[in-house]
């Protein structure tokens, strides 16, 4: 008969008994300690990689958020727009509110809509550049004396 008795059921009392090697338990303990140490190193590696990725994100992300600079050397296109708008307001003086460009307001509305829907730099940068071109055109118009025409005249 084997370990399955008469009725085909498993009978653990019929299993053979043996004395294990005396070095078996120290080998089992050493192997378990190796597994634990390997898991700790793996966890440390994963945490280190995650920390390095976060550090890289913190250092690189501000550069990714900046729009591509337009010509003029004033930094980002948003900064250029602020400088151009101040220059335009200085040239227009008290008439700046009445001389506000319809085209500029339309661009501002497009920019606001793009920001509201969370648009990326690939969509925002051209809008900022378009805004800067419109401001430059308004500044050039004021310098040429065309500022007193107002926005009501449409040129074809």
C-alpha atoms as a PDB file:
ATOM      1  CA  UNK A   1       0.000   0.000   0.000  1.00  0.00           C
ATOM      2  CA  UNK A   2       1.000   3.547  -0.485  1.00  0.00           C
ATOM      3  CA  UNK A   3       0.163   6.834   1.303  1.00  0.00           C
ATOM      4  CA  UNK A   4      -3.398   6.546  -0.015  1.00  0.00           C
ATOM      5  CA  UNK A   5      -4.803   3.828   2.248  1.00  0.00           C
ATOM      6  CA  UNK A   6      -7.413   1.323   1.275  1.00  0.00           C
ATOM      7  CA  UNK A   7     -10.172   3.667   0.124  1.00  0.00           C
ATOM      8  CA  UNK A   8      -8.010   5.948  -2.009  1.00  0.00           C
ATOM      9  CA  UNK A   9      -7.951   8.781   0.503  1.00  0.00           C
ATOM     10  CA  UNK A  10      -4.797  10.578   1.509  1.00  0.00           C
ATOM     11  CA  UNK A  11      -3.459   9.391   4.839  1.00  0.00           C
ATOM     12  CA  UNK A  12      -0.618  11.595   6.151  1.00  0.00           C
ATOM     13  CA  UNK A  13       0.306   9.051   8.812  1.00  0.00           C
ATOM     14  CA  UNK A  14       1.498   6.707   6.101  1.00  0.00           C
ATOM     15  CA  UNK A  15       4.102   9.153   4.753  1.00  0.00           C
ATOM     16  CA  UNK A  16       7.722   8.182   5.315  1.00  0.00           C
ATOM     17  CA  UNK A  17       9.593  10.037   8.013  1.00  0.00           C
ATOM     18  CA  UNK A  18      13.139  11.298   7.651  1.00  0.00           C
ATOM     19  CA  UNK A  19      15.568  13.484   9.513  1.00  0.00           C
ATOM     20  CA  UNK A  20      16.463  16.627   7.568  1.00  0.00           C
ATOM     21  CA  UNK A  21      20.008  17.789   7.123  1.00  0.00           C
ATOM     22  CA  UNK A  22      21.091  19.807  10.214  1.00  0.00           C
ATOM     23  CA  UNK A  23      22.226  22.676   7.920  1.00  0.00           C
ATOM     24  CA  UNK A  24      18.758  22.942   6.300  1.00  0.00           C
ATOM     25  CA  UNK A  25      17.305  25.581   8.687  1.00  0.00           C
ATOM     26  CA  UNK A  26      20.345  27.885   8.501  1.00  0.00           C
ATOM     27  CA  UNK A  27      20.167  27.669   4.669  1.00  0.00           C
ATOM     28  CA  UNK A  28      16.436  28.489   4.713  1.00  0.00           C
ATOM     29  CA  UNK A  29      17.007  31.464   7.047  1.00  0.00           C
ATOM     30  CA  UNK A  30      19.940  32.729   4.941  1.00  0.00           C
ATOM     31  CA  UNK A  31      17.892  32.449   1.750  1.00  0.00           C
ATOM     32  CA  UNK A  32      14.982  34.348   3.329  1.00  0.00           C
ATOM     33  CA  UNK A  33      17.332  37.089   4.515  1.00  0.00           C
ATOM     34  CA  UNK A  34      18.704  37.384   0.972  1.00  0.00           C
ATOM     35  CA  UNK A  35      15.139  37.791  -0.392  1.00  0.00           C
ATOM     36  CA  UNK A  36      14.336  40.462   2.183  1.00  0.00           C
ATOM     37  CA  UNK A  37      17.578  42.327   1.443  1.00  0.00           C
ATOM     38  CA  UNK A  38      16.924  42.123  -2.329  1.00  0.00           C
ATOM     39  CA  UNK A  39      13.389  43.489  -1.862  1.00  0.00           C
ATOM     40  CA  UNK A  40      14.727  46.357   0.249  1.00  0.00           C
ATOM     41  CA  UNK A  41      17.279  47.261  -2.432  1.00  0.00           C
ATOM     42  CA  UNK A  42      14.592  47.064  -5.106  1.00  0.00           C
ATOM     43  CA  UNK A  43      12.287  49.294  -3.058  1.00  0.00           C
ATOM     44  CA  UNK A  44      15.132  51.738  -2.443  1.00  0.00           C
ATOM     45  CA  UNK A  45      15.876  51.777  -6.174  1.00  0.00           C
ATOM     46  CA  UNK A  46      12.246  52.441  -7.070  1.00  0.00           C
ATOM     47  CA  UNK A  47      11.972  55.199  -4.456  1.00  0.00           C
ATOM     48  CA  UNK A  48      15.260  56.711  -5.630  1.00  0.00           C
ATOM     49  CA  UNK A  49      14.087  56.684  -9.245  1.00  0.00           C
ATOM     50  CA  UNK A  50      10.786  58.277  -8.236  1.00  0.00           C
ATOM     51  CA  UNK A  51      12.602  60.972  -6.247  1.00  0.00           C
ATOM     52  CA  UNK A  52      14.931  61.651  -9.196  1.00  0.00           C
ATOM     53  CA  UNK A  53      11.948  61.902 -11.537  1.00  0.00           C
ATOM     54  CA  UNK A  54      10.201  64.342  -9.212  1.00  0.00           C
ATOM     55  CA  UNK A  55      13.354  66.443  -8.912  1.00  0.00           C
ATOM     56  CA  UNK A  56      13.755  66.469 -12.687  1.00  0.00           C
ATOM     57  CA  UNK A  57      10.115  67.465 -13.069  1.00  0.00           C
ATOM     58  CA  UNK A  58      10.526  70.326 -10.609  1.00  0.00           C
ATOM     59  CA  UNK A  59      13.662  71.554 -12.372  1.00  0.00           C
ATOM     60  CA  UNK A  60      12.463  71.097 -15.954  1.00  0.00           C
ATOM     61  CA  UNK A  61       8.725  71.867 -15.726  1.00  0.00           C
ATOM     62  CA  UNK A  62       9.055  75.670 -15.449  1.00  0.00           C
ATOM     63  CA  UNK A  63      11.008  75.680 -18.703  1.00  0.00           C
ATOM     64  CA  UNK A  64       8.329  73.598 -20.398  1.00  0.00           C
ATOM     65  CA  UNK A  65       5.543  75.946 -19.341  1.00  0.00           C
ATOM     66  CA  UNK A  66       7.175  78.982 -20.905  1.00  0.00           C
ATOM     67  CA  UNK A  67       5.963  79.836 -24.338  1.00  0.00           C
ATOM     68  CA  UNK A  68       8.425  80.136 -27.186  1.00  0.00           C
ATOM     69  CA  UNK A  69       9.936  83.643 -27.209  1.00  0.00           C
ATOM     70  CA  UNK A  70       9.007  85.883 -30.107  1.00  0.00           C
ATOM     71  CA  UNK A  71      11.473  88.324 -31.622  1.00  0.00           C
ATOM     72  CA  UNK A  72      12.323  91.334 -29.504  1.00  0.00           C
ATOM     73  CA  UNK A  73      14.348  89.691 -26.756  1.00  0.00           C
ATOM     74  CA  UNK A  74      11.948  90.525 -23.894  1.00  0.00           C
ATOM     75  CA  UNK A  75      11.621  86.930 -22.690  1.00  0.00           C
ATOM     76  CA  UNK A  76       8.400  84.978 -23.081  1.00  0.00           C
ATOM     77  CA  UNK A  77       5.653  86.081 -25.402  1.00  0.00           C
ATOM     78  CA  UNK A  78       3.478  86.886 -22.377  1.00  0.00           C
ATOM     79  CA  UNK A  79       6.154  89.236 -21.037  1.00  0.00           C
ATOM     80  CA  UNK A  80       6.519  90.799 -24.480  1.00  0.00           C
ATOM     81  CA  UNK A  81       2.774  91.301 -24.622  1.00  0.00           C
ATOM     82  CA  UNK A  82       2.787  93.056 -21.248  1.00  0.00           C
ATOM     83  CA  UNK A  83       5.611  95.361 -22.378  1.00  0.00           C
ATOM     84  CA  UNK A  84       3.891  96.105 -25.696  1.00  0.00           C
ATOM     85  CA  UNK A  85       0.582  96.818 -23.975  1.00  0.00           C
ATOM     86  CA  UNK A  86       2.291  99.257 -21.595  1.00  0.00           C
ATOM     87  CA  UNK A  87       3.981 100.942 -24.552  1.00  0.00           C
ATOM     88  CA  UNK A  88       0.664 101.188 -26.402  1.00  0.00           C
ATOM     89  CA  UNK A  89      -1.111 102.584 -23.324  1.00  0.00           C
ATOM     90  CA  UNK A  90       1.675 105.156 -22.912  1.00  0.00           C
ATOM     91  CA  UNK A  91       1.374 106.283 -26.523  1.00  0.00           C
ATOM     92  CA  UNK A  92      -2.440 106.337 -26.521  1.00  0.00           C
ATOM     93  CA  UNK A  93      -2.604 108.158 -23.182  1.00  0.00           C
ATOM     94  CA  UNK A  94      -6.113 109.020 -22.017  1.00  0.00           C
ATOM     95  CA  UNK A  95      -7.596 107.752 -25.286  1.00  0.00           C
ATOM     96  CA  UNK A  96      -6.405 104.170 -24.749  1.00  0.00           C
ATOM     97  CA  UNK A  97      -9.823 102.910 -23.602  1.00  0.00           C
ATOM     98  CA  UNK A  98     -11.642 104.410 -26.584  1.00  0.00           C
ATOM     99  CA  UNK A  99      -8.921 103.274 -28.997  1.00  0.00           C
ATOM    100  CA  UNK A 100      -8.870  99.635 -27.844  1.00  0.00           C
ATOM    101  CA  UNK A 101      -8.517  97.371 -30.840  1.00  0.00           C
ATOM    102  CA  UNK A 102     -11.422  95.138 -31.756  1.00  0.00           C
ATOM    103  CA  UNK A 103      -8.944  92.665 -33.183  1.00  0.00           C
ATOM    104  CA  UNK A 104      -7.008  92.666 -29.893  1.00  0.00           C
ATOM    105  CA  UNK A 105     -10.192  91.992 -27.899  1.00  0.00           C
ATOM    106  CA  UNK A 106     -11.024  89.077 -30.217  1.00  0.00           C
ATOM    107  CA  UNK A 107      -7.562  87.600 -29.660  1.00  0.00           C
ATOM    108  CA  UNK A 108      -7.931  88.086 -25.911  1.00  0.00           C
ATOM    109  CA  UNK A 109     -11.258  86.225 -26.030  1.00  0.00           C
ATOM    110  CA  UNK A 110      -9.600  83.345 -27.916  1.00  0.00           C
ATOM    111  CA  UNK A 111      -6.771  83.267 -25.369  1.00  0.00           C
ATOM    112  CA  UNK A 112      -9.222  83.191 -22.456  1.00  0.00           C
ATOM    113  CA  UNK A 113     -11.224  80.399 -24.075  1.00  0.00           C
ATOM    114  CA  UNK A 114      -8.003  78.411 -24.655  1.00  0.00           C
ATOM    115  CA  UNK A 115      -6.956  78.853 -21.014  1.00  0.00           C
ATOM    116  CA  UNK A 116     -10.457  77.903 -19.826  1.00  0.00           C
ATOM    117  CA  UNK A 117     -10.316  74.561 -21.639  1.00  0.00           C
ATOM    118  CA  UNK A 118      -6.727  73.898 -20.480  1.00  0.00           C
ATOM    119  CA  UNK A 119      -5.002  74.282 -23.847  1.00  0.00           C
ATOM    120  CA  UNK A 120      -1.313  73.486 -24.151  1.00  0.00           C
ATOM    121  CA  UNK A 121       1.594  75.668 -25.243  1.00  0.00           C
ATOM    122  CA  UNK A 122       1.204  74.508 -28.849  1.00  0.00           C
ATOM    123  CA  UNK A 123      -2.145  76.336 -28.981  1.00  0.00           C
ATOM    124  CA  UNK A 124      -1.407  79.236 -26.623  1.00  0.00           C
ATOM    125  CA  UNK A 125       1.936  80.349 -28.057  1.00  0.00           C
ATOM    126  CA  UNK A 126       0.558  81.249 -31.535  1.00  0.00           C
ATOM    127  CA  UNK A 127      -2.285  83.183 -29.913  1.00  0.00           C
ATOM    128  CA  UNK A 128       0.163  85.181 -27.776  1.00  0.00           C
ATOM    129  CA  UNK A 129       2.306  85.857 -30.848  1.00  0.00           C
ATOM    130  CA  UNK A 130      -0.792  86.988 -32.744  1.00  0.00           C
ATOM    131  CA  UNK A 131      -1.667  89.308 -29.849  1.00  0.00           C
ATOM    132  CA  UNK A 132       1.858  90.770 -29.918  1.00  0.00           C
ATOM    133  CA  UNK A 133       1.627  91.376 -33.675  1.00  0.00           C
ATOM    134  CA  UNK A 134      -1.697  93.171 -33.166  1.00  0.00           C
ATOM    135  CA  UNK A 135      -0.199  95.336 -30.399  1.00  0.00           C
ATOM    136  CA  UNK A 136       2.812  96.164 -32.587  1.00  0.00           C
ATOM    137  CA  UNK A 137       0.418  97.160 -35.379  1.00  0.00           C
ATOM    138  CA  UNK A 138      -1.531  99.411 -33.007  1.00  0.00           C
ATOM    139  CA  UNK A 139       1.715 100.999 -31.746  1.00  0.00           C
ATOM    140  CA  UNK A 140       2.941 101.562 -35.301  1.00  0.00           C
ATOM    141  CA  UNK A 141      -0.450 103.085 -36.186  1.00  0.00           C
ATOM    142  CA  UNK A 142      -0.221 105.510 -33.253  1.00  0.00           C
ATOM    143  CA  UNK A 143       3.299 106.500 -34.254  1.00  0.00           C
ATOM    144  CA  UNK A 144       2.186 107.167 -37.821  1.00  0.00           C
ATOM    145  CA  UNK A 145      -0.750 109.243 -36.583  1.00  0.00           C
ATOM    146  CA  UNK A 146      -3.410 106.747 -37.613  1.00  0.00           C
ATOM    147  CA  UNK A 147      -4.624 106.257 -34.040  1.00  0.00           C
ATOM    148  CA  UNK A 148      -7.313 108.913 -34.204  1.00  0.00           C
ATOM    149  CA  UNK A 149      -9.284 106.989 -36.870  1.00  0.00           C
ATOM    150  CA  UNK A 150     -10.840 104.689 -34.276  1.00  0.00           C
ATOM    151  CA  UNK A 151     -11.880 101.088 -34.711  1.00  0.00           C
ATOM    152  CA  UNK A 152     -15.074 101.815 -36.600  1.00  0.00           C
ATOM    153  CA  UNK A 153     -13.361 102.098 -39.987  1.00  0.00           C
ATOM    154  CA  UNK A 154     -12.896  98.862 -41.875  1.00  0.00           C
ATOM    155  CA  UNK A 155     -10.210  98.837 -44.493  1.00  0.00           C
ATOM    156  CA  UNK A 156     -10.430  96.495 -47.449  1.00  0.00           C
END
